[in-house]
N, C-alpha and C. Protein backbone atom coordinates (compact mmCIF):
# COMPACT_ATOMS: atom_id res chain seq x y z
N MET A 1 57.07 18.99 -36.05
CA MET A 1 57.13 19.48 -34.53
C MET A 1 56.84 18.01 -34.16
N GLY A 2 56.30 17.09 -34.59
CA GLY A 2 56.23 15.50 -33.75
C GLY A 2 57.32 15.24 -32.91
N ARG A 3 57.18 15.42 -31.89
CA ARG A 3 58.44 14.75 -30.96
C ARG A 3 58.05 13.53 -30.35
N THR A 4 58.72 12.74 -30.37
CA THR A 4 58.10 11.25 -29.75
C THR A 4 58.89 11.17 -28.43
N LYS A 5 58.15 10.54 -27.70
CA LYS A 5 58.34 10.42 -26.31
C LYS A 5 58.84 9.24 -26.08
N ILE A 6 60.00 8.91 -25.75
CA ILE A 6 60.45 7.53 -25.35
C ILE A 6 60.43 7.25 -23.70
N HIS A 7 59.55 6.27 -23.40
CA HIS A 7 59.39 6.09 -22.14
C HIS A 7 59.92 4.60 -21.80
N LYS A 8 60.80 4.66 -20.75
CA LYS A 8 61.14 3.32 -20.14
C LYS A 8 60.85 3.34 -18.45
N PRO A 9 60.00 2.27 -18.71
CA PRO A 9 59.50 2.18 -17.15
C PRO A 9 60.58 1.47 -16.35
N SER A 10 60.23 2.10 -14.94
CA SER A 10 61.66 1.46 -14.00
C SER A 10 61.37 0.27 -13.59
N ILE A 11 62.11 -0.38 -12.83
CA ILE A 11 62.08 -1.56 -12.41
C ILE A 11 60.98 -1.80 -11.59
N PHE A 12 60.45 -0.91 -10.93
CA PHE A 12 59.39 -0.82 -9.82
C PHE A 12 57.90 -0.90 -10.38
N GLN A 13 58.02 -0.42 -11.93
CA GLN A 13 56.84 -0.69 -12.64
C GLN A 13 56.47 -1.87 -13.49
N ALA A 14 55.25 -1.99 -13.58
CA ALA A 14 55.24 -3.70 -14.09
C ALA A 14 54.22 -3.42 -15.42
N GLN A 15 54.37 -4.07 -16.29
CA GLN A 15 53.44 -4.12 -17.37
C GLN A 15 52.60 -5.36 -17.85
N LEU A 16 51.78 -5.16 -17.56
CA LEU A 16 50.97 -6.59 -18.16
C LEU A 16 50.47 -6.67 -19.54
N GLN A 17 50.63 -7.52 -20.26
CA GLN A 17 50.39 -7.84 -21.78
C GLN A 17 49.58 -8.53 -21.55
N PHE A 18 48.20 -8.50 -21.75
CA PHE A 18 47.22 -9.22 -22.26
C PHE A 18 46.97 -9.78 -23.61
N PRO A 19 46.54 -10.85 -23.96
CA PRO A 19 46.85 -11.62 -25.26
C PRO A 19 45.31 -10.72 -26.03
N ALA A 20 45.75 -10.00 -27.14
CA ALA A 20 45.14 -9.53 -28.04
C ALA A 20 44.00 -10.64 -29.17
N SER A 21 44.08 -11.63 -28.70
CA SER A 21 43.13 -12.43 -29.76
C SER A 21 41.99 -12.28 -29.08
N ARG A 22 41.18 -12.56 -30.30
CA ARG A 22 39.55 -12.38 -30.55
C ARG A 22 39.00 -13.57 -29.50
N GLY A 23 39.34 -14.66 -29.51
CA GLY A 23 38.79 -15.58 -28.55
C GLY A 23 39.05 -15.41 -26.85
N THR A 24 40.01 -14.80 -26.69
CA THR A 24 40.21 -14.71 -25.06
C THR A 24 39.73 -13.40 -24.23
N PHE A 25 39.60 -13.56 -23.28
CA PHE A 25 39.14 -12.43 -22.30
C PHE A 25 40.03 -11.17 -22.04
N ALA A 26 39.79 -10.14 -22.50
CA ALA A 26 40.67 -9.14 -22.40
C ALA A 26 40.16 -7.98 -21.56
N LEU A 27 40.85 -7.27 -20.13
CA LEU A 27 40.23 -6.67 -19.28
C LEU A 27 40.47 -5.00 -19.98
N ASN A 28 41.35 -5.10 -20.68
CA ASN A 28 41.49 -3.66 -21.31
C ASN A 28 40.49 -3.28 -22.62
N ALA A 29 39.97 -4.35 -22.61
CA ALA A 29 39.03 -3.99 -24.16
C ALA A 29 37.76 -4.12 -23.55
N GLU A 30 36.70 -2.95 -24.15
CA GLU A 30 35.10 -3.21 -23.66
C GLU A 30 34.38 -3.96 -24.55
N HIS A 31 33.63 -5.13 -23.85
CA HIS A 31 32.94 -5.75 -24.44
C HIS A 31 31.72 -4.99 -25.23
N PRO A 32 31.43 -5.51 -26.44
CA PRO A 32 30.49 -4.87 -27.39
C PRO A 32 29.12 -4.67 -26.45
N LEU A 33 28.46 -5.71 -25.90
CA LEU A 33 27.30 -5.35 -25.08
C LEU A 33 27.27 -4.97 -23.72
N GLU A 34 28.76 -4.46 -23.32
CA GLU A 34 28.88 -3.56 -21.95
C GLU A 34 27.86 -2.49 -21.71
N GLY A 35 27.97 -1.79 -22.89
CA GLY A 35 27.24 -0.46 -22.72
C GLY A 35 25.58 -0.69 -22.64
N VAL A 36 25.27 -1.64 -23.37
CA VAL A 36 24.13 -2.00 -23.36
C VAL A 36 23.27 -2.48 -22.10
N ALA A 37 24.37 -3.22 -21.54
CA ALA A 37 24.13 -3.96 -20.20
C ALA A 37 23.95 -2.70 -19.34
N LEU A 38 24.82 -2.26 -19.01
CA LEU A 38 24.90 -0.85 -18.27
C LEU A 38 23.58 -0.08 -18.21
N LYS A 39 23.21 0.04 -19.30
CA LYS A 39 21.99 1.05 -19.86
C LYS A 39 20.65 0.17 -19.16
N THR A 40 20.64 -1.21 -19.52
CA THR A 40 19.59 -1.93 -19.18
C THR A 40 19.44 -2.00 -17.83
N PHE A 41 20.66 -2.16 -16.95
CA PHE A 41 20.93 -2.26 -15.43
C PHE A 41 20.52 -0.84 -14.91
N PHE A 42 20.53 0.23 -15.45
CA PHE A 42 19.99 1.40 -14.72
C PHE A 42 18.52 1.41 -15.13
N ILE A 43 18.15 1.30 -16.16
CA ILE A 43 16.74 1.42 -16.37
C ILE A 43 16.01 0.43 -15.77
N ALA A 44 16.55 -0.62 -15.29
CA ALA A 44 15.76 -1.80 -14.43
C ALA A 44 15.87 -1.10 -13.22
N LEU A 45 16.89 -0.85 -12.96
CA LEU A 45 16.88 0.01 -11.51
C LEU A 45 16.25 1.00 -11.07
N PHE A 46 15.98 2.04 -12.30
CA PHE A 46 15.08 2.94 -12.13
C PHE A 46 13.53 2.73 -12.04
N ALA A 47 13.09 1.82 -13.02
CA ALA A 47 11.87 1.11 -12.87
C ALA A 47 11.61 0.45 -11.46
N LEU A 48 12.27 -0.39 -10.87
CA LEU A 48 12.14 -1.00 -9.77
C LEU A 48 11.85 0.10 -8.46
N THR A 49 12.62 0.93 -8.51
CA THR A 49 12.47 2.16 -7.75
C THR A 49 11.32 2.54 -7.68
N PHE A 50 11.00 3.32 -8.96
CA PHE A 50 9.41 3.74 -9.09
C PHE A 50 8.50 3.04 -8.54
N ALA A 51 8.65 1.55 -8.88
CA ALA A 51 7.61 0.43 -8.56
C ALA A 51 7.42 0.66 -7.35
N TYR A 52 8.49 0.49 -6.51
CA TYR A 52 8.60 0.47 -5.19
C TYR A 52 8.00 1.46 -4.21
N ILE A 53 8.35 2.92 -4.95
CA ILE A 53 7.43 4.00 -4.27
C ILE A 53 6.46 3.94 -4.57
N TYR A 54 5.78 3.91 -5.59
CA TYR A 54 4.48 3.60 -6.08
C TYR A 54 3.71 2.76 -4.97
N LEU A 55 3.98 1.56 -5.00
CA LEU A 55 3.41 0.65 -4.40
C LEU A 55 3.22 0.88 -2.68
N VAL A 56 4.41 1.38 -2.47
CA VAL A 56 4.51 1.87 -0.76
C VAL A 56 3.41 2.94 -0.77
N GLY A 57 3.29 3.87 -1.30
CA GLY A 57 2.48 4.97 -1.27
C GLY A 57 1.08 4.58 -1.62
N SER A 58 0.78 3.88 -2.50
CA SER A 58 -0.56 3.44 -2.86
C SER A 58 -1.16 2.55 -1.50
N SER A 59 -0.23 1.77 -1.34
CA SER A 59 -0.76 1.15 0.21
C SER A 59 -1.06 1.88 1.38
N ALA A 60 -0.28 2.84 1.55
CA ALA A 60 -0.47 3.82 2.67
C ALA A 60 -1.76 4.49 2.32
N LEU A 61 -2.10 4.84 1.17
CA LEU A 61 -3.14 5.74 0.63
C LEU A 61 -4.51 4.51 0.87
N ASN A 62 -4.30 3.43 0.60
CA ASN A 62 -5.42 2.54 0.84
C ASN A 62 -5.98 2.19 2.51
N VAL A 63 -4.74 2.29 3.22
CA VAL A 63 -5.02 2.35 4.83
C VAL A 63 -5.66 3.65 5.01
N ILE A 64 -5.23 4.77 4.49
CA ILE A 64 -6.18 5.82 4.76
C ILE A 64 -7.52 5.58 4.46
N ALA A 65 -7.94 5.51 3.35
CA ALA A 65 -9.25 5.45 2.36
C ALA A 65 -9.92 4.20 3.35
N ARG A 66 -9.38 3.30 3.90
CA ARG A 66 -10.06 2.28 4.85
C ARG A 66 -10.52 2.68 5.80
N LYS A 67 -9.70 3.62 6.54
CA LYS A 67 -10.12 3.92 7.83
C LYS A 67 -11.47 5.21 7.45
N ASP A 68 -11.06 5.95 6.51
CA ASP A 68 -12.14 6.94 6.19
C ASP A 68 -13.56 6.14 5.79
N ALA A 69 -13.36 5.21 5.09
CA ALA A 69 -14.66 4.68 4.58
C ALA A 69 -15.16 3.63 5.76
N LEU A 70 -14.49 3.01 6.76
CA LEU A 70 -15.23 2.68 8.12
C LEU A 70 -15.95 3.51 9.02
N SER A 71 -15.29 4.93 9.00
CA SER A 71 -15.68 5.94 10.04
C SER A 71 -16.96 6.37 9.32
N GLN A 72 -17.08 6.49 7.72
CA GLN A 72 -18.14 6.86 6.89
C GLN A 72 -19.10 5.90 7.43
N ALA A 73 -18.87 4.60 7.22
CA ALA A 73 -19.89 3.61 7.33
C ALA A 73 -20.73 3.87 8.63
N ALA A 74 -19.69 3.93 9.56
CA ALA A 74 -20.28 4.24 11.11
C ALA A 74 -21.47 5.27 11.18
N GLN A 75 -20.92 6.40 10.53
CA GLN A 75 -21.71 7.52 10.51
C GLN A 75 -23.13 7.50 9.48
N VAL A 76 -23.21 6.53 8.58
CA VAL A 76 -24.43 6.06 7.59
C VAL A 76 -25.24 5.12 8.60
N GLY A 77 -24.44 4.26 9.31
CA GLY A 77 -25.27 3.26 10.21
C GLY A 77 -26.22 4.03 11.31
N ALA A 78 -25.44 4.95 11.71
CA ALA A 78 -26.01 5.75 12.83
C ALA A 78 -27.32 6.46 12.47
N THR A 79 -27.08 7.30 11.42
CA THR A 79 -28.18 7.88 10.69
C THR A 79 -29.17 6.84 10.16
N ILE A 80 -28.93 5.75 9.79
CA ILE A 80 -30.03 4.96 9.26
C ILE A 80 -30.81 4.43 10.67
N GLY A 81 -30.19 4.11 11.59
CA GLY A 81 -30.37 3.80 12.77
C GLY A 81 -31.46 4.90 13.61
N ASN A 82 -31.20 6.20 13.50
CA ASN A 82 -31.94 7.46 13.85
C ASN A 82 -33.11 7.57 13.15
N PHE A 83 -33.14 7.53 11.61
CA PHE A 83 -34.20 7.28 11.09
C PHE A 83 -35.35 6.32 11.12
N GLU A 84 -34.97 5.02 11.31
CA GLU A 84 -35.59 3.75 11.67
C GLU A 84 -36.45 4.11 13.24
N ARG A 85 -35.58 4.85 14.08
CA ARG A 85 -36.29 5.03 15.27
C ARG A 85 -37.25 5.93 15.23
N GLU A 86 -36.94 7.16 14.73
CA GLU A 86 -37.98 8.08 14.36
C GLU A 86 -39.22 7.61 13.45
N TYR A 87 -38.81 6.58 12.23
CA TYR A 87 -40.12 6.16 11.75
C TYR A 87 -40.88 5.31 12.78
N PHE A 88 -40.57 4.36 13.58
CA PHE A 88 -41.09 3.78 14.31
C PHE A 88 -42.05 4.54 15.31
N ALA A 89 -41.29 5.66 15.68
CA ALA A 89 -42.14 6.36 17.05
C ALA A 89 -43.23 7.27 16.07
N ALA A 90 -42.94 7.51 14.75
CA ALA A 90 -43.95 8.10 13.72
C ALA A 90 -45.17 7.58 13.64
N SER A 91 -44.79 6.46 13.27
CA SER A 91 -45.96 5.42 12.70
C SER A 91 -46.74 5.00 13.64
N GLN A 92 -46.30 4.55 15.15
CA GLN A 92 -47.31 4.34 15.94
C GLN A 92 -47.57 2.78 16.04
N LYS A 93 -47.29 2.23 15.08
CA LYS A 93 -47.37 0.55 14.41
C LYS A 93 -46.70 -0.35 15.53
N VAL A 94 -45.75 0.31 16.10
CA VAL A 94 -45.05 -1.07 17.19
C VAL A 94 -45.61 -0.77 18.49
N VAL A 95 -46.46 -1.72 18.78
CA VAL A 95 -47.30 -1.67 20.03
C VAL A 95 -46.94 -3.15 20.71
N PRO A 96 -47.22 -3.35 21.99
CA PRO A 96 -47.16 -4.55 22.56
C PRO A 96 -47.88 -5.80 21.87
N GLU A 97 -49.00 -5.34 21.44
CA GLU A 97 -49.95 -6.17 20.88
C GLU A 97 -49.48 -6.74 19.49
N ALA A 98 -48.44 -5.98 18.84
CA ALA A 98 -47.90 -6.80 17.38
C ALA A 98 -46.83 -7.50 17.84
N GLY A 99 -46.32 -7.70 19.11
CA GLY A 99 -45.30 -8.46 19.19
C GLY A 99 -45.93 -9.70 19.54
N LEU A 100 -47.07 -9.88 19.96
CA LEU A 100 -47.78 -11.29 20.09
C LEU A 100 -47.98 -11.88 18.82
N SER A 101 -48.39 -11.09 17.87
CA SER A 101 -48.17 -11.63 16.53
C SER A 101 -47.06 -12.13 15.81
N LEU A 102 -45.92 -11.52 16.47
CA LEU A 102 -44.49 -12.11 15.69
C LEU A 102 -44.20 -13.17 16.54
N GLY A 103 -44.69 -13.61 17.67
CA GLY A 103 -44.42 -14.78 18.71
C GLY A 103 -43.52 -14.31 19.68
N LEU A 104 -43.44 -12.96 20.10
CA LEU A 104 -42.82 -12.21 21.21
C LEU A 104 -43.45 -12.62 22.39
N ALA A 105 -42.89 -12.72 23.37
CA ALA A 105 -43.64 -12.82 24.99
C ALA A 105 -43.28 -11.71 25.48
N PRO A 106 -44.32 -11.27 26.58
CA PRO A 106 -43.92 -9.79 27.51
C PRO A 106 -42.55 -10.23 28.37
N VAL A 107 -41.94 -9.36 28.57
CA VAL A 107 -41.04 -9.30 29.75
C VAL A 107 -41.43 -8.98 31.10
N ALA A 108 -40.79 -9.28 32.10
CA ALA A 108 -41.44 -8.87 33.62
C ALA A 108 -40.95 -7.48 33.90
N LYS A 109 -39.51 -7.41 34.06
CA LYS A 109 -39.07 -6.25 34.40
C LYS A 109 -38.15 -5.58 33.15
N THR A 110 -38.74 -4.53 32.75
CA THR A 110 -38.34 -3.89 31.55
C THR A 110 -37.23 -2.31 31.84
N ALA A 111 -36.31 -2.21 31.36
CA ALA A 111 -35.49 -1.14 31.49
C ALA A 111 -35.32 -1.05 30.07
N TYR A 112 -35.48 0.26 29.68
CA TYR A 112 -35.13 0.97 28.16
C TYR A 112 -34.15 2.12 28.64
N VAL A 113 -33.00 1.87 27.53
CA VAL A 113 -31.91 2.95 27.71
C VAL A 113 -32.29 3.69 26.07
N TYR A 114 -31.97 4.80 26.28
CA TYR A 114 -32.25 5.70 25.19
C TYR A 114 -30.52 6.14 25.00
N ARG A 115 -30.02 5.90 23.77
CA ARG A 115 -28.77 6.33 23.52
C ARG A 115 -28.72 7.21 22.29
N PRO A 116 -28.51 8.42 22.45
CA PRO A 116 -28.42 9.19 20.92
C PRO A 116 -27.01 9.26 20.48
N GLY A 117 -27.11 9.50 19.12
CA GLY A 117 -25.88 9.23 18.33
C GLY A 117 -25.81 8.00 17.75
N THR A 118 -24.49 7.40 17.69
CA THR A 118 -24.29 6.13 17.13
C THR A 118 -24.95 4.93 17.63
N VAL A 119 -25.34 4.06 16.43
CA VAL A 119 -26.58 2.77 17.10
C VAL A 119 -25.25 1.73 17.21
N GLY A 120 -24.20 1.61 16.48
CA GLY A 120 -23.40 0.49 16.75
C GLY A 120 -21.79 0.86 16.71
N GLN A 121 -20.83 0.05 17.11
CA GLN A 121 -19.47 0.42 16.98
C GLN A 121 -18.73 -0.20 16.08
N ALA A 122 -17.77 0.40 15.37
CA ALA A 122 -17.16 -0.54 14.01
C ALA A 122 -15.91 -1.13 15.02
N ASN A 123 -15.57 -2.39 14.66
CA ASN A 123 -14.59 -2.61 15.37
C ASN A 123 -13.30 -2.70 14.07
N VAL A 124 -12.14 -2.02 14.73
CA VAL A 124 -11.03 -1.72 13.52
C VAL A 124 -9.84 -2.73 14.17
N ALA A 125 -9.34 -3.40 13.21
CA ALA A 125 -8.27 -4.19 13.59
C ALA A 125 -7.09 -3.16 13.72
N HIS A 126 -6.22 -3.47 14.96
CA HIS A 126 -4.97 -2.70 15.37
C HIS A 126 -3.57 -2.80 14.78
N ASN A 127 -3.94 -3.48 13.76
CA ASN A 127 -2.15 -4.07 13.24
C ASN A 127 -2.27 -3.66 11.59
N GLU A 128 -2.48 -1.95 11.79
CA GLU A 128 -2.32 -1.45 10.39
C GLU A 128 -1.18 -0.65 10.63
N ILE A 129 -0.75 0.12 9.47
CA ILE A 129 0.13 0.84 9.57
C ILE A 129 0.06 2.16 10.13
């Protein structure tokens, strides 16, 4: 029951005859390396997308970790300053006479400021993410 179909194209249909020789370029034939090149392209695209997401995420996490480290450094500095103040107050070795042996001179009008809490302030650059 093999029926053969005979198709005659109309005058409005065109038919392109590409050369079938091995040395020429044919659009209707797939190149042997075309599948490999397409797979390589998609693997490279996936790898670059993954690398981009990883690098952007890690840089954002590094900015957050830096801000956290700066705040912890300020807290540690304040704690150390409080411990030093308490040590000098407890040891009673810091007296005006000890300053003369270090080469310090007395000051006429002295005003002391007590500031509880942090001893210093960390300067943070405002050009971060």
